[in-house]
Amino acid sequence: MAACVDTPRVKPSQISRDPNRSESDDHAYKHVTYCRPSFSDHVSGLPFSKNHMKTIHTDSVAEDLPHENQNKEDPWLKMQDEARLDADQEPVLSSYYYTSILSQKTLERALANHLAIKLSNSSLPSSGTGKACGDRHPKIGDGVLIGAGTCILGNIRIGEGAKIGACSVVLKDVPPRTTAVGNPAKLVGGKENPIKLDKIPSFTMDHTSHIAEWSDYVV
């Protein structure tokens, strides 16, 4: 909005003057009248002092300055930049980075998405058929190696140092230091005379050395 300033040169009359106001106040104030160019009449006239104008100017400058919190780099944006760089260096991980980080606008949304995926595909045991009473959860001993995708159902005890093959479905107890594989899982060597392991598989089995033969990416 354009504004024109009307500063009258005529001194205010002594009658309209406030008797309690000193002459210094008269010099400190200037009566400024604002008007719009599209209208012939004047809008309201407001008194402004020099100190008041300085205050308004200071406030406007303070509002234009960025908030100190905005100066700090957003950690989520930094994580997205690093994920984008890693995805360019390792194309095989681009789908993972996009789903978990790059497609999410905020850290809270990414965590909510991660928890939703975990809870919708729970790896907790189903506790058997539901007919058994009491404790219906499996018991896992020390040093047990359980392969990926294995299901252990019901009140089953896996002995210390046992090994369960990947994608096995365990429905019965597994003795210590034995190997069980299959669906349903069976002991290697037979139930009567299973093959005993002389080492603890979860401590001694090498899970990563063979990866170096076909890939240079090892976690």
N, C-alpha and C. Protein backbone atom coordinates (compact mmCIF):
# COMPACT_ATOMS: atom_id res chain seq x y z
N MET A 1 0.85 -1.18 0.00
CA MET A 1 0.00 0.00 0.00
C MET A 1 0.89 1.22 0.00
N ALA A 2 0.72 2.10 -0.98
CA ALA A 2 1.48 3.35 -1.03
C ALA A 2 0.95 4.31 0.01
N ALA A 3 1.81 5.12 0.54
CA ALA A 3 1.41 6.07 1.58
C ALA A 3 2.07 7.39 1.32
N CYS A 4 1.32 8.44 1.58
CA CYS A 4 1.87 9.78 1.48
C CYS A 4 1.92 10.38 2.87
N VAL A 5 2.90 11.19 3.12
CA VAL A 5 3.11 11.77 4.44
C VAL A 5 2.77 13.24 4.39
N ASP A 6 1.92 13.63 5.32
CA ASP A 6 1.51 15.03 5.41
C ASP A 6 2.00 15.58 6.73
N THR A 7 3.03 16.42 6.69
CA THR A 7 3.58 17.00 7.92
C THR A 7 3.24 18.47 7.95
N PRO A 8 2.23 18.87 8.69
CA PRO A 8 1.83 20.28 8.72
C PRO A 8 2.91 21.12 9.37
N ARG A 9 3.16 22.31 8.78
CA ARG A 9 4.14 23.23 9.31
C ARG A 9 3.54 24.19 10.33
N VAL A 10 2.24 24.22 10.38
CA VAL A 10 1.59 25.14 11.32
C VAL A 10 1.75 24.60 12.72
N LYS A 11 2.14 25.43 13.63
CA LYS A 11 2.31 25.02 15.01
C LYS A 11 0.95 24.73 15.63
N PRO A 12 0.85 23.74 16.49
CA PRO A 12 -0.43 23.45 17.14
C PRO A 12 -0.83 24.61 18.02
N SER A 13 -2.13 24.83 18.08
CA SER A 13 -2.66 25.94 18.87
C SER A 13 -2.45 25.68 20.34
N GLN A 14 -2.33 26.76 21.07
CA GLN A 14 -2.12 26.65 22.50
C GLN A 14 -3.34 26.09 23.20
N ILE A 15 -4.52 26.23 22.55
CA ILE A 15 -5.74 25.73 23.20
C ILE A 15 -5.77 24.21 23.18
N SER A 16 -5.39 23.61 22.01
CA SER A 16 -5.44 22.15 21.88
C SER A 16 -4.25 21.47 22.53
N ARG A 17 -3.29 22.23 22.97
CA ARG A 17 -2.10 21.65 23.58
C ARG A 17 -2.40 21.10 24.95
N ASP A 18 -1.77 20.00 25.28
CA ASP A 18 -1.92 19.43 26.61
C ASP A 18 -1.08 20.24 27.58
N PRO A 19 -1.69 20.81 28.59
CA PRO A 19 -0.91 21.64 29.52
C PRO A 19 0.15 20.85 30.28
N ASN A 20 -0.05 19.53 30.39
CA ASN A 20 0.91 18.71 31.14
C ASN A 20 2.09 18.27 30.30
N ARG A 21 2.07 18.56 29.02
CA ARG A 21 3.14 18.11 28.14
C ARG A 21 4.14 19.22 27.94
N SER A 22 5.42 18.88 27.98
CA SER A 22 6.48 19.87 27.87
C SER A 22 6.79 20.16 26.41
N GLU A 23 7.62 21.19 26.18
CA GLU A 23 7.97 21.54 24.81
C GLU A 23 8.85 20.47 24.16
N SER A 24 9.65 19.81 24.97
CA SER A 24 10.51 18.74 24.41
C SER A 24 9.68 17.63 23.81
N ASP A 25 8.50 17.35 24.40
CA ASP A 25 7.62 16.33 23.83
C ASP A 25 7.08 16.77 22.49
N ASP A 26 6.85 18.09 22.34
CA ASP A 26 6.34 18.58 21.06
C ASP A 26 7.36 18.37 19.95
N HIS A 27 8.64 18.56 20.27
CA HIS A 27 9.67 18.37 19.25
C HIS A 27 9.91 16.89 18.99
N ALA A 28 9.66 16.04 19.97
CA ALA A 28 9.91 14.60 19.79
C ALA A 28 8.85 13.92 18.96
N TYR A 29 7.66 14.50 18.87
CA TYR A 29 6.56 13.90 18.13
C TYR A 29 6.31 14.66 16.85
N LYS A 30 5.99 13.93 15.83
CA LYS A 30 5.57 14.51 14.56
C LYS A 30 4.26 13.85 14.17
N HIS A 31 3.28 14.63 13.85
CA HIS A 31 1.99 14.10 13.45
C HIS A 31 2.05 13.75 11.97
N VAL A 32 1.92 12.44 11.68
CA VAL A 32 2.03 11.95 10.31
C VAL A 32 0.67 11.44 9.88
N THR A 33 0.23 11.82 8.72
CA THR A 33 -1.06 11.40 8.21
C THR A 33 -0.84 10.48 7.02
N TYR A 34 -1.45 9.29 7.05
CA TYR A 34 -1.35 8.35 5.96
C TYR A 34 -2.61 8.45 5.10
N CYS A 35 -2.42 8.32 3.83
CA CYS A 35 -3.57 8.34 2.93
C CYS A 35 -3.33 7.38 1.80
N ARG A 36 -4.40 6.83 1.27
CA ARG A 36 -4.33 5.95 0.12
C ARG A 36 -4.52 6.77 -1.16
N PRO A 37 -3.75 6.48 -2.18
CA PRO A 37 -3.87 7.28 -3.39
C PRO A 37 -5.20 7.14 -4.09
N SER A 38 -5.93 6.03 -3.87
CA SER A 38 -7.20 5.84 -4.54
C SER A 38 -8.35 6.54 -3.86
N PHE A 39 -8.12 7.10 -2.69
CA PHE A 39 -9.17 7.80 -1.97
C PHE A 39 -8.73 9.24 -1.74
N SER A 40 -9.70 10.12 -1.79
CA SER A 40 -9.38 11.53 -1.59
C SER A 40 -9.30 11.91 -0.13
N ASP A 41 -9.98 11.15 0.73
CA ASP A 41 -9.97 11.52 2.14
C ASP A 41 -8.77 10.91 2.84
N HIS A 42 -8.35 11.52 3.90
CA HIS A 42 -7.24 11.02 4.68
C HIS A 42 -7.69 9.93 5.63
N VAL A 43 -6.81 8.99 5.82
CA VAL A 43 -7.07 7.98 6.84
C VAL A 43 -6.64 8.56 8.17
N SER A 44 -6.70 7.79 9.20
CA SER A 44 -6.43 8.32 10.53
C SER A 44 -5.00 8.80 10.65
N GLY A 45 -4.79 9.85 11.43
CA GLY A 45 -3.46 10.36 11.69
C GLY A 45 -2.97 9.86 13.04
N LEU A 46 -1.74 9.35 13.08
CA LEU A 46 -1.20 8.78 14.30
C LEU A 46 0.10 9.45 14.64
N PRO A 47 0.33 9.76 15.91
CA PRO A 47 1.59 10.36 16.31
C PRO A 47 2.68 9.29 16.43
N PHE A 48 3.87 9.60 15.92
CA PHE A 48 5.01 8.70 16.01
C PHE A 48 6.19 9.47 16.58
N SER A 49 6.92 8.82 17.45
CA SER A 49 8.14 9.43 17.98
C SER A 49 9.34 8.76 17.34
N LYS A 50 10.47 9.41 17.43
CA LYS A 50 11.69 8.83 16.87
C LYS A 50 12.06 7.52 17.55
N ASN A 51 11.89 7.48 18.86
CA ASN A 51 12.20 6.25 19.59
C ASN A 51 11.27 5.12 19.18
N HIS A 52 9.99 5.47 18.93
CA HIS A 52 9.03 4.45 18.53
C HIS A 52 9.38 3.89 17.15
N MET A 53 9.82 4.77 16.24
CA MET A 53 10.20 4.30 14.92
C MET A 53 11.42 3.39 14.99
N LYS A 54 12.36 3.69 15.89
CA LYS A 54 13.52 2.82 16.06
C LYS A 54 13.11 1.46 16.58
N THR A 55 12.13 1.45 17.49
CA THR A 55 11.65 0.17 18.04
C THR A 55 11.00 -0.68 16.96
N ILE A 56 10.18 -0.04 16.11
CA ILE A 56 9.53 -0.78 15.03
C ILE A 56 10.56 -1.34 14.07
N HIS A 57 11.58 -0.53 13.74
CA HIS A 57 12.62 -1.00 12.83
C HIS A 57 13.40 -2.16 13.43
N THR A 58 13.69 -2.10 14.72
CA THR A 58 14.42 -3.17 15.39
C THR A 58 13.61 -4.45 15.41
N ASP A 59 12.31 -4.34 15.67
CA ASP A 59 11.45 -5.53 15.70
C ASP A 59 11.37 -6.18 14.34
N SER A 60 11.27 -5.38 13.28
CA SER A 60 11.17 -5.95 11.94
C SER A 60 12.45 -6.67 11.54
N VAL A 61 13.59 -6.10 11.94
CA VAL A 61 14.86 -6.76 11.64
C VAL A 61 14.98 -8.06 12.41
N ALA A 62 14.51 -8.08 13.67
CA ALA A 62 14.57 -9.30 14.48
C ALA A 62 13.69 -10.38 13.90
N GLU A 63 12.54 -9.98 13.30
CA GLU A 63 11.66 -10.98 12.70
C GLU A 63 12.26 -11.55 11.43
N ASP A 64 13.04 -10.72 10.70
CA ASP A 64 13.64 -11.20 9.47
C ASP A 64 14.81 -12.15 9.71
N LEU A 65 15.44 -12.04 10.88
CA LEU A 65 16.57 -12.92 11.18
C LEU A 65 16.09 -14.34 11.37
N PRO A 66 16.80 -15.34 10.86
CA PRO A 66 16.39 -16.73 11.06
C PRO A 66 16.51 -17.14 12.51
N HIS A 67 15.61 -18.02 12.92
CA HIS A 67 15.64 -18.52 14.29
C HIS A 67 16.89 -19.35 14.48
N GLU A 68 17.44 -19.29 15.69
CA GLU A 68 18.71 -20.00 15.93
C GLU A 68 18.55 -21.50 15.77
N ASN A 69 17.34 -22.00 15.97
CA ASN A 69 17.12 -23.43 15.77
C ASN A 69 17.18 -23.80 14.30
N GLN A 70 16.84 -22.82 13.41
CA GLN A 70 16.88 -23.11 12.00
C GLN A 70 18.31 -23.16 11.48
N ASN A 71 19.23 -22.50 12.21
CA ASN A 71 20.62 -22.53 11.79
C ASN A 71 21.23 -23.91 11.98
N LYS A 72 20.73 -24.65 12.94
CA LYS A 72 21.25 -25.98 13.19
C LYS A 72 20.78 -26.93 12.09
N GLU A 73 21.67 -27.77 11.65
CA GLU A 73 21.35 -28.70 10.57
C GLU A 73 20.42 -29.79 11.08
N ASP A 74 19.38 -30.07 10.32
CA ASP A 74 18.42 -31.09 10.69
C ASP A 74 19.08 -32.46 10.59
N PRO A 75 19.11 -33.24 11.66
CA PRO A 75 19.78 -34.55 11.59
C PRO A 75 19.12 -35.49 10.59
N TRP A 76 17.81 -35.37 10.41
CA TRP A 76 17.13 -36.26 9.48
C TRP A 76 17.54 -35.95 8.04
N LEU A 77 17.69 -34.66 7.71
CA LEU A 77 18.16 -34.31 6.38
C LEU A 77 19.59 -34.80 6.15
N LYS A 78 20.41 -34.75 7.19
CA LYS A 78 21.77 -35.26 7.08
C LYS A 78 21.76 -36.77 6.86
N MET A 79 20.88 -37.49 7.56
CA MET A 79 20.77 -38.93 7.37
C MET A 79 20.32 -39.26 5.96
N GLN A 80 19.39 -38.47 5.42
CA GLN A 80 18.93 -38.71 4.06
C GLN A 80 20.04 -38.47 3.04
N ASP A 81 20.86 -37.44 3.27
CA ASP A 81 21.98 -37.20 2.37
C ASP A 81 22.98 -38.36 2.39
N GLU A 82 23.27 -38.86 3.58
CA GLU A 82 24.19 -40.00 3.69
C GLU A 82 23.59 -41.25 3.06
N ALA A 83 22.28 -41.46 3.26
CA ALA A 83 21.63 -42.62 2.66
C ALA A 83 21.62 -42.52 1.14
N ARG A 84 21.41 -41.32 0.62
CA ARG A 84 21.43 -41.13 -0.84
C ARG A 84 22.83 -41.41 -1.40
N LEU A 85 23.86 -40.99 -0.68
CA LEU A 85 25.23 -41.26 -1.11
C LEU A 85 25.54 -42.75 -1.06
N ASP A 86 25.12 -43.42 0.01
CA ASP A 86 25.35 -44.86 0.12
C ASP A 86 24.60 -45.64 -0.95
N ALA A 87 23.38 -45.18 -1.27
CA ALA A 87 22.60 -45.85 -2.31
C ALA A 87 23.27 -45.73 -3.67
N ASP A 88 23.92 -44.60 -3.93
CA ASP A 88 24.64 -44.44 -5.19
C ASP A 88 25.87 -45.34 -5.24
N GLN A 89 26.53 -45.51 -4.10
CA GLN A 89 27.73 -46.35 -4.06
C GLN A 89 27.39 -47.83 -4.07
N GLU A 90 26.27 -48.21 -3.44
CA GLU A 90 25.85 -49.62 -3.38
C GLU A 90 24.43 -49.72 -3.95
N PRO A 91 24.28 -49.89 -5.26
CA PRO A 91 22.94 -49.95 -5.87
C PRO A 91 22.08 -51.07 -5.32
N VAL A 92 22.71 -52.14 -4.81
CA VAL A 92 21.92 -53.25 -4.29
C VAL A 92 21.12 -52.85 -3.06
N LEU A 93 21.56 -51.79 -2.37
CA LEU A 93 20.87 -51.32 -1.17
C LEU A 93 19.93 -50.15 -1.44
N SER A 94 19.79 -49.73 -2.69
CA SER A 94 18.99 -48.55 -3.00
C SER A 94 17.53 -48.73 -2.61
N SER A 95 16.99 -49.93 -2.82
CA SER A 95 15.60 -50.18 -2.46
C SER A 95 15.38 -50.07 -0.96
N TYR A 96 16.32 -50.60 -0.19
CA TYR A 96 16.21 -50.52 1.27
C TYR A 96 16.28 -49.08 1.76
N TYR A 97 17.25 -48.32 1.23
CA TYR A 97 17.41 -46.93 1.66
C TYR A 97 16.18 -46.10 1.28
N TYR A 98 15.62 -46.36 0.10
CA TYR A 98 14.45 -45.58 -0.32
C TYR A 98 13.24 -45.89 0.55
N THR A 99 13.02 -47.17 0.86
CA THR A 99 11.85 -47.55 1.65
C THR A 99 11.95 -47.06 3.08
N SER A 100 13.11 -47.18 3.69
CA SER A 100 13.25 -46.88 5.11
C SER A 100 13.62 -45.43 5.41
N ILE A 101 14.29 -44.74 4.49
CA ILE A 101 14.79 -43.39 4.80
C ILE A 101 14.36 -42.35 3.77
N LEU A 102 14.69 -42.57 2.52
CA LEU A 102 14.50 -41.52 1.51
C LEU A 102 13.04 -41.20 1.25
N SER A 103 12.14 -42.16 1.39
CA SER A 103 10.72 -41.91 1.13
C SER A 103 9.99 -41.33 2.33
N GLN A 104 10.65 -41.22 3.47
CA GLN A 104 10.02 -40.70 4.68
C GLN A 104 10.42 -39.24 4.88
N LYS A 105 9.43 -38.41 5.23
CA LYS A 105 9.69 -36.98 5.38
C LYS A 105 10.32 -36.64 6.72
N THR A 106 10.00 -37.39 7.75
CA THR A 106 10.52 -37.10 9.08
C THR A 106 11.03 -38.37 9.73
N LEU A 107 11.83 -38.20 10.78
CA LEU A 107 12.36 -39.34 11.52
C LEU A 107 11.24 -40.08 12.22
N GLU A 108 10.26 -39.35 12.75
CA GLU A 108 9.14 -40.00 13.43
C GLU A 108 8.36 -40.90 12.48
N ARG A 109 8.14 -40.42 11.27
CA ARG A 109 7.41 -41.23 10.29
C ARG A 109 8.20 -42.47 9.89
N ALA A 110 9.51 -42.34 9.78
CA ALA A 110 10.34 -43.49 9.44
C ALA A 110 10.31 -44.55 10.54
N LEU A 111 10.38 -44.11 11.80
CA LEU A 111 10.31 -45.05 12.91
C LEU A 111 8.96 -45.74 12.98
N ALA A 112 7.88 -44.97 12.74
CA ALA A 112 6.55 -45.56 12.75
C ALA A 112 6.40 -46.61 11.65
N ASN A 113 6.95 -46.32 10.48
CA ASN A 113 6.90 -47.29 9.38
C ASN A 113 7.70 -48.54 9.71
N HIS A 114 8.87 -48.36 10.33
CA HIS A 114 9.71 -49.51 10.70
C HIS A 114 9.01 -50.39 11.73
N LEU A 115 8.40 -49.76 12.74
CA LEU A 115 7.70 -50.53 13.76
C LEU A 115 6.48 -51.24 13.19
N ALA A 116 5.79 -50.59 12.26
CA ALA A 116 4.62 -51.22 11.65
C ALA A 116 5.01 -52.47 10.87
N ILE A 117 6.14 -52.41 10.17
CA ILE A 117 6.60 -53.58 9.41
C ILE A 117 7.00 -54.70 10.36
N LYS A 118 7.70 -54.35 11.45
CA LYS A 118 8.13 -55.37 12.40
C LYS A 118 6.95 -56.04 13.08
N LEU A 119 5.96 -55.24 13.48
CA LEU A 119 4.82 -55.81 14.20
C LEU A 119 3.89 -56.60 13.28
N SER A 120 3.84 -56.22 12.00
CA SER A 120 2.97 -56.96 11.08
C SER A 120 3.58 -58.29 10.65
N ASN A 121 4.89 -58.44 10.82
CA ASN A 121 5.57 -59.69 10.46
C ASN A 121 6.35 -60.19 11.67
N SER A 122 5.62 -60.48 12.71
CA SER A 122 6.25 -60.85 13.97
C SER A 122 6.90 -62.22 13.88
N SER A 123 8.07 -62.33 14.50
CA SER A 123 8.78 -63.61 14.54
C SER A 123 8.58 -64.33 15.87
N LEU A 124 7.65 -63.84 16.70
CA LEU A 124 7.40 -64.49 17.98
C LEU A 124 6.72 -65.84 17.76
N PRO A 125 6.97 -66.80 18.61
CA PRO A 125 6.32 -68.11 18.45
C PRO A 125 4.83 -68.02 18.70
N SER A 126 4.09 -68.92 18.05
CA SER A 126 2.63 -68.91 18.18
C SER A 126 2.14 -69.69 19.38
N SER A 127 3.04 -70.25 20.16
CA SER A 127 2.70 -70.93 21.42
C SER A 127 1.87 -72.18 21.21
N GLY A 128 2.08 -72.92 20.14
CA GLY A 128 1.43 -74.21 19.96
C GLY A 128 -0.01 -74.11 19.49
N THR A 129 -0.78 -75.14 19.80
CA THR A 129 -2.16 -75.24 19.32
C THR A 129 -3.14 -74.49 20.19
N GLY A 130 -2.75 -74.13 21.40
CA GLY A 130 -3.67 -73.45 22.31
C GLY A 130 -4.37 -74.40 23.26
N LYS A 131 -4.20 -75.70 23.08
CA LYS A 131 -4.85 -76.67 23.97
C LYS A 131 -4.06 -76.88 25.26
N ALA A 132 -2.74 -76.66 25.19
CA ALA A 132 -1.91 -76.88 26.37
C ALA A 132 -2.11 -75.77 27.38
N CYS A 133 -1.99 -76.11 28.66
CA CYS A 133 -2.14 -75.14 29.74
C CYS A 133 -0.78 -74.79 30.32
N GLY A 134 -0.71 -73.69 31.04
CA GLY A 134 0.53 -73.29 31.68
C GLY A 134 1.47 -72.59 30.72
N ASP A 135 2.76 -72.79 30.95
CA ASP A 135 3.78 -72.15 30.13
C ASP A 135 3.82 -72.81 28.76
N ARG A 136 3.61 -72.02 27.70
CA ARG A 136 3.57 -72.59 26.35
C ARG A 136 4.64 -72.00 25.45
N HIS A 137 5.66 -71.38 26.03
CA HIS A 137 6.69 -70.73 25.23
C HIS A 137 7.96 -71.56 25.21
N PRO A 138 8.72 -71.49 24.10
CA PRO A 138 9.96 -72.28 23.99
C PRO A 138 11.05 -71.76 24.90
N LYS A 139 11.96 -72.66 25.25
CA LYS A 139 13.12 -72.34 26.09
C LYS A 139 14.38 -72.61 25.28
N ILE A 140 15.21 -71.60 25.13
CA ILE A 140 16.42 -71.70 24.31
C ILE A 140 17.63 -71.70 25.22
N GLY A 141 18.48 -72.72 25.08
CA GLY A 141 19.68 -72.81 25.90
C GLY A 141 20.80 -71.92 25.40
N ASP A 142 21.91 -71.92 26.13
CA ASP A 142 23.07 -71.10 25.77
C ASP A 142 23.79 -71.70 24.57
N GLY A 143 24.33 -70.82 23.71
CA GLY A 143 25.14 -71.27 22.59
C GLY A 143 24.36 -71.93 21.48
N VAL A 144 23.05 -71.74 21.40
CA VAL A 144 22.22 -72.36 20.36
C VAL A 144 22.31 -71.52 19.08
N LEU A 145 22.43 -72.20 17.95
CA LEU A 145 22.43 -71.54 16.65
C LEU A 145 21.12 -71.88 15.94
N ILE A 146 20.30 -70.86 15.67
CA ILE A 146 19.00 -71.05 15.03
C ILE A 146 19.05 -70.39 13.66
N GLY A 147 18.78 -71.18 12.61
CA GLY A 147 18.82 -70.67 11.25
C GLY A 147 17.68 -69.72 10.94
N ALA A 148 17.84 -68.98 9.84
CA ALA A 148 16.84 -67.99 9.44
C ALA A 148 15.53 -68.67 9.07
N GLY A 149 14.41 -68.05 9.45
CA GLY A 149 13.09 -68.56 9.10
C GLY A 149 12.64 -69.76 9.89
N THR A 150 13.31 -70.07 10.98
CA THR A 150 12.94 -71.23 11.80
C THR A 150 11.75 -70.91 12.69
N CYS A 151 10.84 -71.86 12.84
CA CYS A 151 9.68 -71.72 13.73
C CYS A 151 9.80 -72.75 14.85
N ILE A 152 9.73 -72.28 16.08
CA ILE A 152 9.77 -73.16 17.25
C ILE A 152 8.44 -72.99 17.96
N LEU A 153 7.60 -74.00 17.92
CA LEU A 153 6.22 -73.88 18.37
C LEU A 153 5.99 -74.65 19.66
N GLY A 154 5.39 -73.97 20.63
CA GLY A 154 4.98 -74.63 21.86
C GLY A 154 6.03 -74.60 22.95
N ASN A 155 5.75 -75.33 24.02
CA ASN A 155 6.64 -75.41 25.18
C ASN A 155 7.74 -76.42 24.88
N ILE A 156 8.73 -75.96 24.11
CA ILE A 156 9.81 -76.82 23.62
C ILE A 156 11.13 -76.30 24.17
N ARG A 157 12.00 -77.22 24.54
CA ARG A 157 13.30 -76.86 25.08
C ARG A 157 14.39 -77.22 24.07
N ILE A 158 15.19 -76.21 23.74
CA ILE A 158 16.34 -76.42 22.85
C ILE A 158 17.58 -76.47 23.74
N GLY A 159 18.26 -77.62 23.74
CA GLY A 159 19.40 -77.81 24.63
C GLY A 159 20.59 -76.92 24.28
N GLU A 160 21.50 -76.80 25.22
CA GLU A 160 22.68 -75.95 25.04
C GLU A 160 23.55 -76.47 23.89
N GLY A 161 24.02 -75.53 23.07
CA GLY A 161 24.92 -75.90 21.98
C GLY A 161 24.25 -76.60 20.82
N ALA A 162 22.92 -76.62 20.75
CA ALA A 162 22.22 -77.27 19.64
C ALA A 162 22.23 -76.37 18.41
N LYS A 163 21.94 -76.98 17.26
CA LYS A 163 21.90 -76.24 16.00
C LYS A 163 20.63 -76.60 15.26
N ILE A 164 19.88 -75.55 14.83
CA ILE A 164 18.62 -75.73 14.12
C ILE A 164 18.80 -75.20 12.71
N GLY A 165 18.51 -76.03 11.71
CA GLY A 165 18.66 -75.61 10.32
C GLY A 165 17.66 -74.53 9.92
N ALA A 166 17.99 -73.80 8.86
CA ALA A 166 17.13 -72.72 8.40
C ALA A 166 15.79 -73.26 7.92
N CYS A 167 14.74 -72.47 8.18
CA CYS A 167 13.37 -72.78 7.74
C CYS A 167 12.84 -74.09 8.33
N SER A 168 13.39 -74.51 9.45
CA SER A 168 12.89 -75.72 10.12
C SER A 168 11.68 -75.38 10.98
N VAL A 169 10.84 -76.37 11.21
CA VAL A 169 9.67 -76.24 12.10
C VAL A 169 9.87 -77.24 13.23
N VAL A 170 10.20 -76.72 14.41
CA VAL A 170 10.54 -77.58 15.55
C VAL A 170 9.29 -77.78 16.39
N LEU A 171 8.90 -79.05 16.57
CA LEU A 171 7.71 -79.39 17.35
C LEU A 171 8.03 -80.19 18.59
N LYS A 172 9.29 -80.66 18.71
CA LYS A 172 9.68 -81.47 19.87
C LYS A 172 11.01 -80.95 20.42
N ASP A 173 11.34 -81.42 21.63
CA ASP A 173 12.58 -80.98 22.27
C ASP A 173 13.80 -81.41 21.46
N VAL A 174 14.83 -80.57 21.50
CA VAL A 174 16.09 -80.86 20.81
C VAL A 174 17.16 -81.04 21.88
N PRO A 175 17.80 -82.22 21.95
CA PRO A 175 18.83 -82.46 22.97
C PRO A 175 20.03 -81.52 22.80
N PRO A 176 20.83 -81.34 23.84
CA PRO A 176 22.01 -80.49 23.75
C PRO A 176 23.02 -81.03 22.74
N ARG A 177 23.70 -80.11 22.05
CA ARG A 177 24.78 -80.41 21.11
C ARG A 177 24.34 -81.35 19.98
N THR A 178 23.11 -81.21 19.52
CA THR A 178 22.62 -81.97 18.38
C THR A 178 22.16 -81.01 17.29
N THR A 179 21.87 -81.58 16.11
CA THR A 179 21.42 -80.78 14.96
C THR A 179 20.05 -81.26 14.53
N ALA A 180 19.12 -80.31 14.35
CA ALA A 180 17.76 -80.63 13.91
C ALA A 180 17.46 -79.82 12.65
N VAL A 181 16.92 -80.50 11.63
CA VAL A 181 16.58 -79.83 10.36
C VAL A 181 15.28 -80.41 9.83
N GLY A 182 14.61 -79.64 8.95
CA GLY A 182 13.44 -80.14 8.26
C GLY A 182 12.14 -79.59 8.79
N ASN A 183 11.04 -79.99 8.11
CA ASN A 183 9.68 -79.62 8.48
C ASN A 183 8.79 -80.86 8.42
N PRO A 184 8.50 -81.45 9.58
CA PRO A 184 8.94 -81.08 10.93
C PRO A 184 10.41 -81.43 11.15
N ALA A 185 11.04 -80.75 12.10
CA ALA A 185 12.47 -80.92 12.33
C ALA A 185 12.78 -82.30 12.90
N LYS A 186 13.84 -82.91 12.38
CA LYS A 186 14.30 -84.21 12.86
C LYS A 186 15.79 -84.13 13.17
N LEU A 187 16.24 -84.96 14.11
CA LEU A 187 17.63 -84.95 14.52
C LEU A 187 18.51 -85.62 13.47
N VAL A 188 19.65 -84.98 13.18
CA VAL A 188 20.61 -85.56 12.25
C VAL A 188 21.28 -86.76 12.93
N GLY A 189 21.22 -87.93 12.28
CA GLY A 189 21.76 -89.16 12.86
C GLY A 189 20.69 -90.02 13.49
N GLY A 190 19.45 -89.53 13.55
CA GLY A 190 18.37 -90.32 14.11
C GLY A 190 18.08 -89.97 15.56
N LYS A 191 16.90 -90.33 16.00
CA LYS A 191 16.48 -90.02 17.36
C LYS A 191 17.23 -90.85 18.39
N GLU A 192 17.53 -92.11 18.06
CA GLU A 192 18.18 -93.00 19.01
C GLU A 192 19.65 -92.66 19.21
N ASN A 193 20.33 -92.30 18.14
CA ASN A 193 21.77 -92.03 18.23
C ASN A 193 22.12 -90.79 17.40
N PRO A 194 21.71 -89.60 17.83
CA PRO A 194 21.99 -88.39 17.05
C PRO A 194 23.47 -88.03 17.09
N ILE A 195 23.91 -87.37 16.04
CA ILE A 195 25.30 -86.93 15.97
C ILE A 195 25.51 -85.77 16.94
N LYS A 196 26.54 -85.91 17.78
CA LYS A 196 26.84 -84.88 18.78
C LYS A 196 27.86 -83.88 18.22
N LEU A 197 27.66 -82.65 18.52
CA LEU A 197 28.57 -81.59 18.11
C LEU A 197 29.66 -81.41 19.17
N ASP A 198 30.92 -81.34 18.71
CA ASP A 198 32.01 -81.17 19.66
C ASP A 198 32.32 -79.70 19.95
N LYS A 199 31.68 -78.78 19.23
CA LYS A 199 31.88 -77.36 19.45
C LYS A 199 30.53 -76.65 19.57
N ILE A 200 30.58 -75.46 20.15
CA ILE A 200 29.37 -74.64 20.26
C ILE A 200 29.18 -73.90 18.94
N PRO A 201 28.15 -74.22 18.16
CA PRO A 201 28.04 -73.66 16.81
C PRO A 201 27.88 -72.14 16.77
N SER A 202 27.15 -71.59 17.72
CA SER A 202 26.94 -70.14 17.68
C SER A 202 28.21 -69.35 17.98
N PHE A 203 29.19 -70.01 18.62
CA PHE A 203 30.45 -69.35 18.93
C PHE A 203 31.53 -69.61 17.90
N THR A 204 31.51 -70.77 17.26
CA THR A 204 32.61 -71.18 16.39
C THR A 204 32.27 -71.16 14.90
N MET A 205 31.00 -71.16 14.54
CA MET A 205 30.63 -71.21 13.12
C MET A 205 30.96 -69.89 12.43
N ASP A 206 31.58 -69.98 11.27
CA ASP A 206 31.96 -68.80 10.50
C ASP A 206 30.81 -68.46 9.55
N HIS A 207 30.27 -67.25 9.71
CA HIS A 207 29.11 -66.86 8.92
C HIS A 207 29.44 -65.91 7.77
N THR A 208 30.64 -65.39 7.71
CA THR A 208 30.92 -64.32 6.75
C THR A 208 32.10 -64.57 5.82
N SER A 209 32.99 -65.51 6.11
CA SER A 209 34.21 -65.64 5.30
C SER A 209 33.89 -66.02 3.86
N HIS A 210 32.85 -66.81 3.63
CA HIS A 210 32.53 -67.23 2.27
C HIS A 210 31.97 -66.09 1.43
N ILE A 211 31.48 -65.03 2.10
CA ILE A 211 30.91 -63.92 1.35
C ILE A 211 32.00 -63.19 0.57
N ALA A 212 33.22 -63.17 1.11
CA ALA A 212 34.32 -62.47 0.44
C ALA A 212 34.64 -63.08 -0.91
N GLU A 213 34.20 -64.31 -1.17
CA GLU A 213 34.50 -64.95 -2.44
C GLU A 213 33.71 -64.33 -3.59
N TRP A 214 32.51 -63.77 -3.31
CA TRP A 214 31.69 -63.22 -4.39
C TRP A 214 31.29 -61.77 -4.17
N SER A 215 31.65 -61.19 -3.02
CA SER A 215 31.30 -59.79 -2.77
C SER A 215 32.33 -59.16 -1.86
N ASP A 216 32.55 -57.86 -2.07
CA ASP A 216 33.48 -57.12 -1.21
C ASP A 216 32.74 -56.36 -0.13
N TYR A 217 31.44 -56.60 -0.01
CA TYR A 217 30.64 -55.89 0.99
C TYR A 217 30.38 -56.84 2.15
N VAL A 218 31.06 -56.62 3.26
CA VAL A 218 30.92 -57.45 4.45
C VAL A 218 30.66 -56.54 5.63
N VAL A 219 29.58 -56.78 6.36
CA VAL A 219 29.25 -55.98 7.53
C VAL A 219 30.15 -56.39 8.68
